[in-house]
Amino acid sequence: MEKQHQVLTLIEEITRNDGSKYFEIGNMVHNGRAELAAERGFIKEVRILQLNIPHSKNVIRYEDFINSHYVMQDESMDHWEEWKRTPEMDQVVNDILKENHIG
């Protein structure tokens, strides 16, 4: 599968099947996959919290991390792949949430 460069443009809240929630920085493709995952019962739900977030230094850093570690799932997915983050990337995501007044 050819690697694509994902541009991250929105903030989502994803609810796992156990009821716990997490924030993710994604895009419309990621959100569509999450909606599909919810329909298939792999996650409980996904909500877009903010669209068109500024393409800040933190967003670019996180984008680089995601693009170097993950490939966007396709529609044939049989599970939900949660993007696991390093402690450094957890901090970057927290900074993105703060920049966008979320959390």
PDB file of N, CA and C in Angstrom:
ATOM      1  N   MET A   1       0.849  -1.193   0.000  1.00  0.00           N
ATOM      2  CA  MET A   1       0.000   0.000   0.000  1.00  0.00           C
ATOM      3  C   MET A   1       0.890   1.251   0.000  1.00  0.00           C
ATOM      4  N   GLU A   2       0.586   2.143  -0.883  1.00  0.00           N
ATOM      5  CA  GLU A   2       1.389   3.362  -0.996  1.00  0.00           C
ATOM      6  C   GLU A   2       1.128   4.272   0.200  1.00  0.00           C
ATOM      7  N   LYS A   3       2.219   4.782   0.765  1.00  0.00           N
ATOM      8  CA  LYS A   3       2.103   5.652   1.932  1.00  0.00           C
ATOM      9  C   LYS A   3       1.627   7.035   1.476  1.00  0.00           C
ATOM     10  N   GLN A   4       0.647   7.551   2.173  1.00  0.00           N
ATOM     11  CA  GLN A   4       0.122   8.864   1.854  1.00  0.00           C
ATOM     12  C   GLN A   4       0.488   9.826   2.976  1.00  0.00           C
ATOM     13  N   HIS A   5       0.643  11.082   2.620  1.00  0.00           N
ATOM     14  CA  HIS A   5       0.899  12.097   3.637  1.00  0.00           C
ATOM     15  C   HIS A   5      -0.446  12.651   4.090  1.00  0.00           C
ATOM     16  N   GLN A   6      -0.802  12.359   5.326  1.00  0.00           N
ATOM     17  CA  GLN A   6      -2.056  12.861   5.879  1.00  0.00           C
ATOM     18  C   GLN A   6      -1.850  14.260   6.439  1.00  0.00           C
ATOM     19  N   VAL A   7      -2.728  15.184   6.063  1.00  0.00           N
ATOM     20  CA  VAL A   7      -2.743  16.525   6.625  1.00  0.00           C
ATOM     21  C   VAL A   7      -3.839  16.531   7.680  1.00  0.00           C
ATOM     22  N   LEU A   8      -3.457  16.871   8.908  1.00  0.00           N
ATOM     23  CA  LEU A   8      -4.400  16.812  10.027  1.00  0.00           C
ATOM     24  C   LEU A   8      -5.084  18.163  10.199  1.00  0.00           C
ATOM     25  N   THR A   9      -6.418  18.136  10.214  1.00  0.00           N
ATOM     26  CA  THR A   9      -7.183  19.379  10.142  1.00  0.00           C
ATOM     27  C   THR A   9      -8.278  19.518  11.195  1.00  0.00           C
ATOM     28  N   LEU A  10      -8.464  18.492  12.034  1.00  0.00           N
ATOM     29  CA  LEU A  10      -9.572  18.582  12.994  1.00  0.00           C
ATOM     30  C   LEU A  10      -9.265  17.824  14.276  1.00  0.00           C
ATOM     31  N   ILE A  11     -10.057  18.103  15.290  1.00  0.00           N
ATOM     32  CA  ILE A  11      -9.925  17.447  16.588  1.00  0.00           C
ATOM     33  C   ILE A  11     -11.177  16.602  16.814  1.00  0.00           C
ATOM     34  N   GLU A  12     -10.955  15.335  17.169  1.00  0.00           N
ATOM     35  CA  GLU A  12     -12.047  14.403  17.415  1.00  0.00           C
ATOM     36  C   GLU A  12     -12.000  13.921  18.860  1.00  0.00           C
ATOM     37  N   GLU A  13     -13.159  13.521  19.358  1.00  0.00           N
ATOM     38  CA  GLU A  13     -13.238  12.800  20.619  1.00  0.00           C
ATOM     39  C   GLU A  13     -13.750  11.405  20.270  1.00  0.00           C
ATOM     40  N   ILE A  14     -12.962  10.397  20.606  1.00  0.00           N
ATOM     41  CA  ILE A  14     -13.312   9.015  20.282  1.00  0.00           C
ATOM     42  C   ILE A  14     -13.646   8.283  21.577  1.00  0.00           C
ATOM     43  N   THR A  15     -14.792   7.607  21.570  1.00  0.00           N
ATOM     44  CA  THR A  15     -15.215   6.825  22.731  1.00  0.00           C
ATOM     45  C   THR A  15     -14.976   5.353  22.419  1.00  0.00           C
ATOM     46  N   ARG A  16     -14.124   4.744  23.250  1.00  0.00           N
ATOM     47  CA  ARG A  16     -13.837   3.306  23.105  1.00  0.00           C
ATOM     48  C   ARG A  16     -15.042   2.506  23.584  1.00  0.00           C
ATOM     49  N   ASN A  17     -15.054   1.224  23.272  1.00  0.00           N
ATOM     50  CA  ASN A  17     -16.174   0.364  23.683  1.00  0.00           C
ATOM     51  C   ASN A  17     -16.300   0.246  25.197  1.00  0.00           C
ATOM     52  N   ASP A  18     -15.203   0.450  25.930  1.00  0.00           N
ATOM     53  CA  ASP A  18     -15.282   0.373  27.400  1.00  0.00           C
ATOM     54  C   ASP A  18     -15.795   1.678  28.022  1.00  0.00           C
ATOM     55  N   GLY A  19     -16.120   2.651  27.168  1.00  0.00           N
ATOM     56  CA  GLY A  19     -16.661   3.925  27.648  1.00  0.00           C
ATOM     57  C   GLY A  19     -15.616   4.999  27.859  1.00  0.00           C
ATOM     58  N   SER A  20     -14.317   4.630  27.863  1.00  0.00           N
ATOM     59  CA  SER A  20     -13.275   5.644  28.019  1.00  0.00           C
ATOM     60  C   SER A  20     -13.160   6.443  26.722  1.00  0.00           C
ATOM     61  N   LYS A  21     -12.684   7.681  26.851  1.00  0.00           N
ATOM     62  CA  LYS A  21     -12.602   8.579  25.699  1.00  0.00           C
ATOM     63  C   LYS A  21     -11.184   9.077  25.532  1.00  0.00           C
ATOM     64  N   TYR A  22     -10.847   9.441  24.308  1.00  0.00           N
ATOM     65  CA  TYR A  22      -9.578  10.111  24.057  1.00  0.00           C
ATOM     66  C   TYR A  22      -9.746  11.090  22.914  1.00  0.00           C
ATOM     67  N   PHE A  23      -8.845  12.069  22.875  1.00  0.00           N
ATOM     68  CA  PHE A  23      -8.838  13.055  21.808  1.00  0.00           C
ATOM     69  C   PHE A  23      -7.865  12.601  20.738  1.00  0.00           C
ATOM     70  N   GLU A  24      -8.218  12.862  19.491  1.00  0.00           N
ATOM     71  CA  GLU A  24      -7.308  12.572  18.384  1.00  0.00           C
ATOM     72  C   GLU A  24      -7.309  13.759  17.434  1.00  0.00           C
ATOM     73  N   ILE A  25      -6.149  13.992  16.849  1.00  0.00           N
ATOM     74  CA  ILE A  25      -6.011  15.010  15.820  1.00  0.00           C
ATOM     75  C   ILE A  25      -6.084  14.241  14.498  1.00  0.00           C
ATOM     76  N   GLY A  26      -7.096  14.505  13.726  1.00  0.00           N
ATOM     77  CA  GLY A  26      -7.302  13.735  12.503  1.00  0.00           C
ATOM     78  C   GLY A  26      -7.657  14.614  11.327  1.00  0.00           C
ATOM     79  N   ASN A  27      -8.367  14.015  10.375  1.00  0.00           N
ATOM     80  CA  ASN A  27      -8.865  14.747   9.214  1.00  0.00           C
ATOM     81  C   ASN A  27     -10.180  14.088   8.795  1.00  0.00           C
ATOM     82  N   MET A  28     -10.763  14.536   7.700  1.00  0.00           N
ATOM     83  CA  MET A  28     -12.063  14.006   7.305  1.00  0.00           C
ATOM     84  C   MET A  28     -11.990  12.522   6.948  1.00  0.00           C
ATOM     85  N   VAL A  29     -10.875  12.077   6.381  1.00  0.00           N
ATOM     86  CA  VAL A  29     -10.731  10.649   6.056  1.00  0.00           C
ATOM     87  C   VAL A  29     -10.700   9.836   7.354  1.00  0.00           C
ATOM     88  N   HIS A  30      -9.880  10.280   8.310  1.00  0.00           N
ATOM     89  CA  HIS A  30      -9.789   9.601   9.604  1.00  0.00           C
ATOM     90  C   HIS A  30     -11.162   9.571  10.278  1.00  0.00           C
ATOM     91  N   ASN A  31     -11.874  10.702  10.238  1.00  0.00           N
ATOM     92  CA  ASN A  31     -13.184  10.767  10.851  1.00  0.00           C
ATOM     93  C   ASN A  31     -14.158   9.802  10.177  1.00  0.00           C
ATOM     94  N   GLY A  32     -14.087   9.710   8.864  1.00  0.00           N
ATOM     95  CA  GLY A  32     -14.937   8.767   8.144  1.00  0.00           C
ATOM     96  C   GLY A  32     -14.641   7.328   8.523  1.00  0.00           C
ATOM     97  N   ARG A  33     -13.361   7.013   8.681  1.00  0.00           N
ATOM     98  CA  ARG A  33     -12.974   5.663   9.110  1.00  0.00           C
ATOM     99  C   ARG A  33     -13.472   5.385  10.522  1.00  0.00           C
ATOM    100  N   ALA A  34     -13.384   6.398  11.389  1.00  0.00           N
ATOM    101  CA  ALA A  34     -13.864   6.227  12.768  1.00  0.00           C
ATOM    102  C   ALA A  34     -15.378   6.021  12.783  1.00  0.00           C
ATOM    103  N   GLU A  35     -16.107   6.745  11.934  1.00  0.00           N
ATOM    104  CA  GLU A  35     -17.559   6.555  11.828  1.00  0.00           C
ATOM    105  C   GLU A  35     -17.865   5.113  11.394  1.00  0.00           C
ATOM    106  N   LEU A  36     -17.108   4.624  10.421  1.00  0.00           N
ATOM    107  CA  LEU A  36     -17.270   3.256   9.945  1.00  0.00           C
ATOM    108  C   LEU A  36     -16.951   2.256  11.057  1.00  0.00           C
ATOM    109  N   ALA A  37     -15.882   2.535  11.811  1.00  0.00           N
ATOM    110  CA  ALA A  37     -15.502   1.669  12.938  1.00  0.00           C
ATOM    111  C   ALA A  37     -16.622   1.630  13.982  1.00  0.00           C
ATOM    112  N   ALA A  38     -17.269   2.775  14.214  1.00  0.00           N
ATOM    113  CA  ALA A  38     -18.378   2.818  15.165  1.00  0.00           C
ATOM    114  C   ALA A  38     -19.559   1.991  14.641  1.00  0.00           C
ATOM    115  N   GLU A  39     -19.867   2.121  13.348  1.00  0.00           N
ATOM    116  CA  GLU A  39     -20.956   1.331  12.745  1.00  0.00           C
ATOM    117  C   GLU A  39     -20.681  -0.165  12.887  1.00  0.00           C
ATOM    118  N   ARG A  40     -19.412  -0.541  12.795  1.00  0.00           N
ATOM    119  CA  ARG A  40     -19.034  -1.954  12.870  1.00  0.00           C
ATOM    120  C   ARG A  40     -18.801  -2.437  14.298  1.00  0.00           C
ATOM    121  N   GLY A  41     -18.933  -1.532  15.275  1.00  0.00           N
ATOM    122  CA  GLY A  41     -18.816  -1.925  16.675  1.00  0.00           C
ATOM    123  C   GLY A  41     -17.392  -1.998  17.213  1.00  0.00           C
ATOM    124  N   PHE A  42     -16.421  -1.432  16.475  1.00  0.00           N
ATOM    125  CA  PHE A  42     -15.022  -1.460  16.941  1.00  0.00           C
ATOM    126  C   PHE A  42     -14.763  -0.360  17.969  1.00  0.00           C
ATOM    127  N   ILE A  43     -15.513   0.734  17.872  1.00  0.00           N
ATOM    128  CA  ILE A  43     -15.500   1.803  18.878  1.00  0.00           C
ATOM    129  C   ILE A  43     -16.964   2.185  19.108  1.00  0.00           C
ATOM    130  N   LYS A  44     -17.208   2.932  20.199  1.00  0.00           N
ATOM    131  CA  LYS A  44     -18.586   3.325  20.499  1.00  0.00           C
ATOM    132  C   LYS A  44     -19.029   4.506  19.645  1.00  0.00           C
ATOM    133  N   GLU A  45     -18.198   5.567  19.609  1.00  0.00           N
ATOM    134  CA  GLU A  45     -18.583   6.740  18.817  1.00  0.00           C
ATOM    135  C   GLU A  45     -17.402   7.666  18.590  1.00  0.00           C
ATOM    136  N   VAL A  46     -17.582   8.550  17.621  1.00  0.00           N
ATOM    137  CA  VAL A  46     -16.604   9.605  17.345  1.00  0.00           C
ATOM    138  C   VAL A  46     -17.377  10.899  17.153  1.00  0.00           C
ATOM    139  N   ARG A  47     -16.842  11.970  17.715  1.00  0.00           N
ATOM    140  CA  ARG A  47     -17.437  13.300  17.539  1.00  0.00           C
ATOM    141  C   ARG A  47     -16.349  14.257  17.089  1.00  0.00           C
ATOM    142  N   ILE A  48     -16.675  15.104  16.130  1.00  0.00           N
ATOM    143  CA  ILE A  48     -15.746  16.174  15.746  1.00  0.00           C
ATOM    144  C   ILE A  48     -15.957  17.319  16.725  1.00  0.00           C
ATOM    145  N   LEU A  49     -14.873  17.728  17.387  1.00  0.00           N
ATOM    146  CA  LEU A  49     -14.954  18.838  18.338  1.00  0.00           C
ATOM    147  C   LEU A  49     -14.592  20.164  17.685  1.00  0.00           C
ATOM    148  N   GLN A  50     -13.659  20.116  16.737  1.00  0.00           N
ATOM    149  CA  GLN A  50     -13.275  21.353  16.055  1.00  0.00           C
ATOM    150  C   GLN A  50     -12.759  21.034  14.664  1.00  0.00           C
ATOM    151  N   LEU A  51     -13.259  21.769  13.688  1.00  0.00           N
ATOM    152  CA  LEU A  51     -12.831  21.640  12.290  1.00  0.00           C
ATOM    153  C   LEU A  51     -11.812  22.727  11.963  1.00  0.00           C
ATOM    154  N   ASN A  52     -11.037  22.489  10.940  1.00  0.00           N
ATOM    155  CA  ASN A  52     -10.125  23.501  10.390  1.00  0.00           C
ATOM    156  C   ASN A  52      -9.222  24.130  11.441  1.00  0.00           C
ATOM    157  N   ILE A  53      -8.551  23.273  12.222  1.00  0.00           N
ATOM    158  CA  ILE A  53      -7.634  23.805  13.232  1.00  0.00           C
ATOM    159  C   ILE A  53      -6.427  24.446  12.538  1.00  0.00           C
ATOM    160  N   PRO A  54      -5.821  25.462  13.150  1.00  0.00           N
ATOM    161  CA  PRO A  54      -4.632  26.084  12.567  1.00  0.00           C
ATOM    162  C   PRO A  54      -3.507  25.058  12.402  1.00  0.00           C
ATOM    163  N   HIS A  55      -2.774  25.166  11.320  1.00  0.00           N
ATOM    164  CA  HIS A  55      -1.673  24.237  11.024  1.00  0.00           C
ATOM    165  C   HIS A  55      -0.411  24.720  11.759  1.00  0.00           C
ATOM    166  N   SER A  56      -0.444  24.596  13.079  1.00  0.00           N
ATOM    167  CA  SER A  56       0.626  25.114  13.949  1.00  0.00           C
ATOM    168  C   SER A  56       1.869  24.216  13.912  1.00  0.00           C
ATOM    169  N   LYS A  57       2.932  24.671  14.556  1.00  0.00           N
ATOM    170  CA  LYS A  57       4.150  23.849  14.668  1.00  0.00           C
ATOM    171  C   LYS A  57       3.842  22.515  15.337  1.00  0.00           C
ATOM    172  N   ASN A  58       2.999  22.540  16.362  1.00  0.00           N
ATOM    173  CA  ASN A  58       2.632  21.296  17.056  1.00  0.00           C
ATOM    174  C   ASN A  58       1.861  20.351  16.142  1.00  0.00           C
ATOM    175  N   VAL A  59       0.936  20.891  15.362  1.00  0.00           N
ATOM    176  CA  VAL A  59       0.180  20.049  14.430  1.00  0.00           C
ATOM    177  C   VAL A  59       1.133  19.431  13.408  1.00  0.00           C
ATOM    178  N   ILE A  60       2.068  20.210  12.907  1.00  0.00           N
ATOM    179  CA  ILE A  60       3.049  19.698  11.937  1.00  0.00           C
ATOM    180  C   ILE A  60       3.901  18.597  12.572  1.00  0.00           C
ATOM    181  N   ARG A  61       4.325  18.787  13.815  1.00  0.00           N
ATOM    182  CA  ARG A  61       5.117  17.749  14.507  1.00  0.00           C
ATOM    183  C   ARG A  61       4.323  16.457  14.655  1.00  0.00           C
ATOM    184  N   TYR A  62       3.068  16.588  15.050  1.00  0.00           N
ATOM    185  CA  TYR A  62       2.225  15.402  15.234  1.00  0.00           C
ATOM    186  C   TYR A  62       1.942  14.730  13.891  1.00  0.00           C
ATOM    187  N   GLU A  63       1.674  15.535  12.879  1.00  0.00           N
ATOM    188  CA  GLU A  63       1.463  15.029  11.521  1.00  0.00           C
ATOM    189  C   GLU A  63       2.670  14.204  11.064  1.00  0.00           C
ATOM    190  N   ASP A  64       3.863  14.723  11.294  1.00  0.00           N
ATOM    191  CA  ASP A  64       5.090  14.003  10.914  1.00  0.00           C
ATOM    192  C   ASP A  64       5.179  12.666  11.650  1.00  0.00           C
ATOM    193  N   PHE A  65       4.844  12.668  12.942  1.00  0.00           N
ATOM    194  CA  PHE A  65       4.860  11.437  13.738  1.00  0.00           C
ATOM    195  C   PHE A  65       3.859  10.424  13.179  1.00  0.00           C
ATOM    196  N   ILE A  66       2.626  10.868  12.962  1.00  0.00           N
ATOM    197  CA  ILE A  66       1.577   9.958  12.462  1.00  0.00           C
ATOM    198  C   ILE A  66       1.966   9.417  11.086  1.00  0.00           C
ATOM    199  N   ASN A  67       2.425  10.283  10.199  1.00  0.00           N
ATOM    200  CA  ASN A  67       2.774   9.849   8.845  1.00  0.00           C
ATOM    201  C   ASN A  67       3.963   8.895   8.818  1.00  0.00           C
ATOM    202  N   SER A  68       4.846   8.991   9.806  1.00  0.00           N
ATOM    203  CA  SER A  68       5.997   8.080   9.820  1.00  0.00           C
ATOM    204  C   SER A  68       5.692   6.761  10.536  1.00  0.00           C
ATOM    205  N   HIS A  69       4.585   6.696  11.298  1.00  0.00           N
ATOM    206  CA  HIS A  69       4.273   5.489  12.070  1.00  0.00           C
ATOM    207  C   HIS A  69       3.000   4.760  11.632  1.00  0.00           C
ATOM    208  N   TYR A  70       2.114   5.439  10.927  1.00  0.00           N
ATOM    209  CA  TYR A  70       0.813   4.846  10.611  1.00  0.00           C
ATOM    210  C   TYR A  70       0.416   5.087   9.160  1.00  0.00           C
ATOM    211  N   VAL A  71      -0.424   4.168   8.655  1.00  0.00           N
ATOM    212  CA  VAL A  71      -1.070   4.339   7.358  1.00  0.00           C
ATOM    213  C   VAL A  71      -2.566   4.364   7.642  1.00  0.00           C
ATOM    214  N   MET A  72      -3.282   5.282   7.013  1.00  0.00           N
ATOM    215  CA  MET A  72      -4.723   5.390   7.230  1.00  0.00           C
ATOM    216  C   MET A  72      -5.397   4.062   6.895  1.00  0.00           C
ATOM    217  N   GLN A  73      -6.247   3.589   7.778  1.00  0.00           N
ATOM    218  CA  GLN A  73      -6.963   2.335   7.534  1.00  0.00           C
ATOM    219  C   GLN A  73      -7.877   2.495   6.325  1.00  0.00           C
ATOM    220  N   ASP A  74      -8.081   1.390   5.594  1.00  0.00           N
ATOM    221  CA  ASP A  74      -9.015   1.467   4.475  1.00  0.00           C
ATOM    222  C   ASP A  74     -10.367   0.907   4.897  1.00  0.00           C
ATOM    223  N   GLU A  75     -11.317   0.927   3.987  1.00  0.00           N
ATOM    224  CA  GLU A  75     -12.691   0.558   4.336  1.00  0.00           C
ATOM    225  C   GLU A  75     -12.865  -0.918   4.656  1.00  0.00           C
ATOM    226  N   SER A  76     -11.857  -1.739   4.346  1.00  0.00           N
ATOM    227  CA  SER A  76     -11.963  -3.173   4.649  1.00  0.00           C
ATOM    228  C   SER A  76     -11.517  -3.490   6.080  1.00  0.00           C
ATOM    229  N   MET A  77     -11.295  -2.468   6.902  1.00  0.00           N
ATOM    230  CA  MET A  77     -10.782  -2.679   8.259  1.00  0.00           C
ATOM    231  C   MET A  77     -11.621  -3.683   9.040  1.00  0.00           C
ATOM    232  N   ASP A  78     -10.929  -4.472   9.887  1.00  0.00           N
ATOM    233  CA  ASP A  78     -11.617  -5.449  10.735  1.00  0.00           C
ATOM    234  C   ASP A  78     -11.398  -5.146  12.220  1.00  0.00           C
ATOM    235  N   HIS A  79     -10.856  -3.951  12.512  1.00  0.00           N
ATOM    236  CA  HIS A  79     -10.629  -3.483  13.882  1.00  0.00           C
ATOM    237  C   HIS A  79     -10.369  -1.976  13.809  1.00  0.00           C
ATOM    238  N   TRP A  80     -10.341  -1.322  14.952  1.00  0.00           N
ATOM    239  CA  TRP A  80      -9.984   0.097  14.993  1.00  0.00           C
ATOM    240  C   TRP A  80      -8.543   0.210  15.458  1.00  0.00           C
ATOM    241  N   GLU A  81      -7.710   0.850  14.654  1.00  0.00           N
ATOM    242  CA  GLU A  81      -6.318   1.054  15.034  1.00  0.00           C
ATOM    243  C   GLU A  81      -6.187   2.412  15.714  1.00  0.00           C
ATOM    244  N   GLU A  82      -6.047   2.360  17.037  1.00  0.00           N
ATOM    245  CA  GLU A  82      -5.839   3.599  17.795  1.00  0.00           C
ATOM    246  C   GLU A  82      -4.381   4.001  17.624  1.00  0.00           C
ATOM    247  N   TRP A  83      -4.153   5.267  17.286  1.00  0.00           N
ATOM    248  CA  TRP A  83      -2.788   5.747  17.104  1.00  0.00           C
ATOM    249  C   TRP A  83      -2.120   5.887  18.468  1.00  0.00           C
ATOM    250  N   LYS A  84      -1.208   4.969  18.780  1.00  0.00           N
ATOM    251  CA  LYS A  84      -0.480   5.010  20.050  1.00  0.00           C
ATOM    252  C   LYS A  84       0.592   6.091  19.977  1.00  0.00           C
ATOM    253  N   ARG A  85       0.712   6.860  21.052  1.00  0.00           N
ATOM    254  CA  ARG A  85       1.642   7.991  21.079  1.00  0.00           C
ATOM    255  C   ARG A  85       2.744   7.777  22.100  1.00  0.00           C
ATOM    256  N   THR A  86       3.882   8.374  21.808  1.00  0.00           N
ATOM    257  CA  THR A  86       4.964   8.431  22.782  1.00  0.00           C
ATOM    258  C   THR A  86       4.590   9.501  23.821  1.00  0.00           C
ATOM    259  N   PRO A  87       5.252   9.509  24.984  1.00  0.00           N
ATOM    260  CA  PRO A  87       4.988  10.586  25.960  1.00  0.00           C
ATOM    261  C   PRO A  87       5.200  11.975  25.339  1.00  0.00           C
ATOM    262  N   GLU A  88       6.216  12.102  24.486  1.00  0.00           N
ATOM    263  CA  GLU A  88       6.474  13.390  23.821  1.00  0.00           C
ATOM    264  C   GLU A  88       5.292  13.775  22.924  1.00  0.00           C
ATOM    265  N   MET A  89       4.747  12.821  22.200  1.00  0.00           N
ATOM    266  CA  MET A  89       3.608  13.109  21.315  1.00  0.00           C
ATOM    267  C   MET A  89       2.332  13.348  22.117  1.00  0.00           C
ATOM    268  N   ASP A  90       2.198  12.698  23.283  1.00  0.00           N
ATOM    269  CA  ASP A  90       1.076  13.016  24.175  1.00  0.00           C
ATOM    270  C   ASP A  90       1.109  14.496  24.540  1.00  0.00           C
ATOM    271  N   GLN A  91       2.299  14.996  24.836  1.00  0.00           N
ATOM    272  CA  GLN A  91       2.442  16.411  25.198  1.00  0.00           C
ATOM    273  C   GLN A  91       2.114  17.313  24.013  1.00  0.00           C
ATOM    274  N   VAL A  92       2.555  16.921  22.812  1.00  0.00           N
ATOM    275  CA  VAL A  92       2.260  17.707  21.607  1.00  0.00           C
ATOM    276  C   VAL A  92       0.744  17.780  21.396  1.00  0.00           C
ATOM    277  N   VAL A  93       0.062  16.641  21.553  1.00  0.00           N
ATOM    278  CA  VAL A  93      -1.402  16.636  21.398  1.00  0.00           C
ATOM    279  C   VAL A  93      -2.047  17.506  22.474  1.00  0.00           C
ATOM    280  N   ASN A  94      -1.575  17.414  23.715  1.00  0.00           N
ATOM    281  CA  ASN A  94      -2.106  18.282  24.776  1.00  0.00           C
ATOM    282  C   ASN A  94      -1.912  19.750  24.431  1.00  0.00           C
ATOM    283  N   ASP A  95      -0.757  20.086  23.854  1.00  0.00           N
ATOM    284  CA  ASP A  95      -0.499  21.469  23.443  1.00  0.00           C
ATOM    285  C   ASP A  95      -1.446  21.897  22.320  1.00  0.00           C
ATOM    286  N   ILE A  96      -1.726  20.985  21.385  1.00  0.00           N
ATOM    287  CA  ILE A  96      -2.677  21.291  20.297  1.00  0.00           C
ATOM    288  C   ILE A  96      -4.067  21.541  20.890  1.00  0.00           C
ATOM    289  N   LEU A  97      -4.461  20.711  21.853  1.00  0.00           N
ATOM    290  CA  LEU A  97      -5.768  20.914  22.491  1.00  0.00           C
ATOM    291  C   LEU A  97      -5.833  22.276  23.175  1.00  0.00           C
ATOM    292  N   LYS A  98      -4.748  22.634  23.879  1.00  0.00           N
ATOM    293  CA  LYS A  98      -4.700  23.949  24.553  1.00  0.00           C
ATOM    294  C   LYS A  98      -4.766  25.085  23.536  1.00  0.00           C
ATOM    295  N   GLU A  99      -4.007  24.958  22.444  1.00  0.00           N
ATOM    296  CA  GLU A  99      -4.012  25.993  21.389  1.00  0.00           C
ATOM    297  C   GLU A  99      -5.426  26.222  20.852  1.00  0.00           C
ATOM    298  N   ASN A 100      -6.227  25.157  20.883  1.00  0.00           N
ATOM    299  CA  ASN A 100      -7.577  25.230  20.327  1.00  0.00           C
ATOM    300  C   ASN A 100      -8.657  25.293  21.407  1.00  0.00           C
ATOM    301  N   HIS A 101      -8.228  25.540  22.653  1.00  0.00           N
ATOM    302  CA  HIS A 101      -9.132  25.745  23.789  1.00  0.00           C
ATOM    303  C   HIS A 101     -10.064  24.553  24.011  1.00  0.00           C
ATOM    304  N   ILE A 102      -9.491  23.352  23.957  1.00  0.00           N
ATOM    305  CA  ILE A 102     -10.233  22.105  24.185  1.00  0.00           C
ATOM    306  C   ILE A 102      -9.535  21.323  25.286  1.00  0.00           C
ATOM    307  N   GLY A 103     -10.336  20.672  26.137  1.00  0.00           N
ATOM    308  CA  GLY A 103      -9.752  19.799  27.149  1.00  0.00           C
ATOM    309  C   GLY A 103      -9.699  20.425  28.516  1.00  0.00           C
TER     310      GLY A 103
END
